[in-house]
């Protein structure tokens, strides 16, 4: 049962850390060198970084889930 609580703690920790990264680091991020299209390029860059972080978070949680359930089922 403690494995499930560890998984939930890790999940919520990653959500909070990811939100903090988005707000603190990506929020003020701007690119000014592209004239009138700087906001499109900045938004695209932010979206790419956000999707990358989402993929990393999913991989981390998937590995953690597999580890916990293998340990619980003793394979």
Protein backbone atom coordinates (compact mmCIF):
# COMPACT_ATOMS: atom_id res chain seq x y z
CA UNK A 1 0.00 0.00 0.00
CA UNK A 2 2.89 2.38 0.68
CA UNK A 3 3.97 2.01 -2.97
CA UNK A 4 0.68 3.51 -4.09
CA UNK A 5 1.13 6.47 -1.75
CA UNK A 6 4.67 6.96 -3.04
CA UNK A 7 3.37 6.96 -6.61
CA UNK A 8 0.69 9.52 -5.76
CA UNK A 9 3.24 11.70 -3.96
CA UNK A 10 5.59 11.54 -6.95
CA UNK A 11 2.74 12.34 -9.34
CA UNK A 12 1.66 15.42 -7.42
CA UNK A 13 5.26 16.52 -6.93
CA UNK A 14 5.90 16.37 -10.67
CA UNK A 15 2.69 18.31 -11.35
CA UNK A 16 3.66 21.07 -8.91
CA UNK A 17 7.28 21.20 -10.10
CA UNK A 18 6.15 21.27 -13.74
CA UNK A 19 3.72 24.10 -13.03
CA UNK A 20 6.45 26.03 -11.25
CA UNK A 21 8.83 25.58 -14.17
CA UNK A 22 6.17 26.78 -16.59
CA UNK A 23 5.32 29.88 -14.59
CA UNK A 24 8.78 30.89 -13.39
CA UNK A 25 11.00 29.97 -16.34
CA UNK A 26 8.81 29.86 -19.44
CA UNK A 27 6.38 32.66 -18.57
CA UNK A 28 8.80 35.56 -19.00
CA UNK A 29 10.67 33.89 -21.91
CA UNK A 30 10.64 36.05 -25.09
CA UNK A 31 12.44 36.18 -28.43
CA UNK A 32 12.69 39.64 -30.06
CA UNK A 33 14.91 39.05 -33.12
CA UNK A 34 12.19 38.08 -35.60
CA UNK A 35 10.29 41.34 -36.09
CA UNK A 36 6.50 41.07 -36.08
CA UNK A 37 6.54 37.28 -35.80
CA UNK A 38 8.43 37.10 -32.50
CA UNK A 39 5.30 36.21 -30.51
CA UNK A 40 4.53 33.24 -32.79
CA UNK A 41 8.06 31.88 -32.49
CA UNK A 42 8.10 32.48 -28.73
CA UNK A 43 4.78 30.67 -28.32
CA UNK A 44 5.96 27.78 -30.48
CA UNK A 45 9.13 27.46 -28.41
CA UNK A 46 7.14 27.49 -25.16
CA UNK A 47 4.76 24.83 -26.49
CA UNK A 48 7.67 22.63 -27.60
CA UNK A 49 9.32 22.87 -24.18
CA UNK A 50 5.99 22.19 -22.44
CA UNK A 51 5.33 19.09 -24.57
CA UNK A 52 8.86 17.87 -23.89
CA UNK A 53 8.33 18.24 -20.14
CA UNK A 54 5.00 16.41 -20.38
CA UNK A 55 6.66 13.49 -22.17
CA UNK A 56 9.43 13.39 -19.56
CA UNK A 57 6.89 13.47 -16.70
CA UNK A 58 4.88 10.63 -18.28
CA UNK A 59 8.03 8.52 -18.75
CA UNK A 60 9.10 9.11 -15.15
CA UNK A 61 5.66 8.19 -13.78
CA UNK A 62 5.46 5.13 -16.03
CA UNK A 63 8.84 3.85 -14.83
CA UNK A 64 7.87 4.55 -11.22
CA UNK A 65 4.53 2.77 -11.64
CA UNK A 66 6.20 -0.29 -13.17
CA UNK A 67 8.77 -0.40 -10.37
CA UNK A 68 6.13 -0.10 -7.64
CA UNK A 69 3.82 -2.74 -9.07
CA UNK A 70 6.66 -5.19 -9.77
CA UNK A 71 7.82 -4.71 -6.19
CA UNK A 72 4.26 -5.14 -4.83
CA UNK A 73 3.63 -8.28 -6.90
CA UNK A 74 7.19 -9.54 -6.27
CA UNK A 75 8.12 -10.47 -9.84
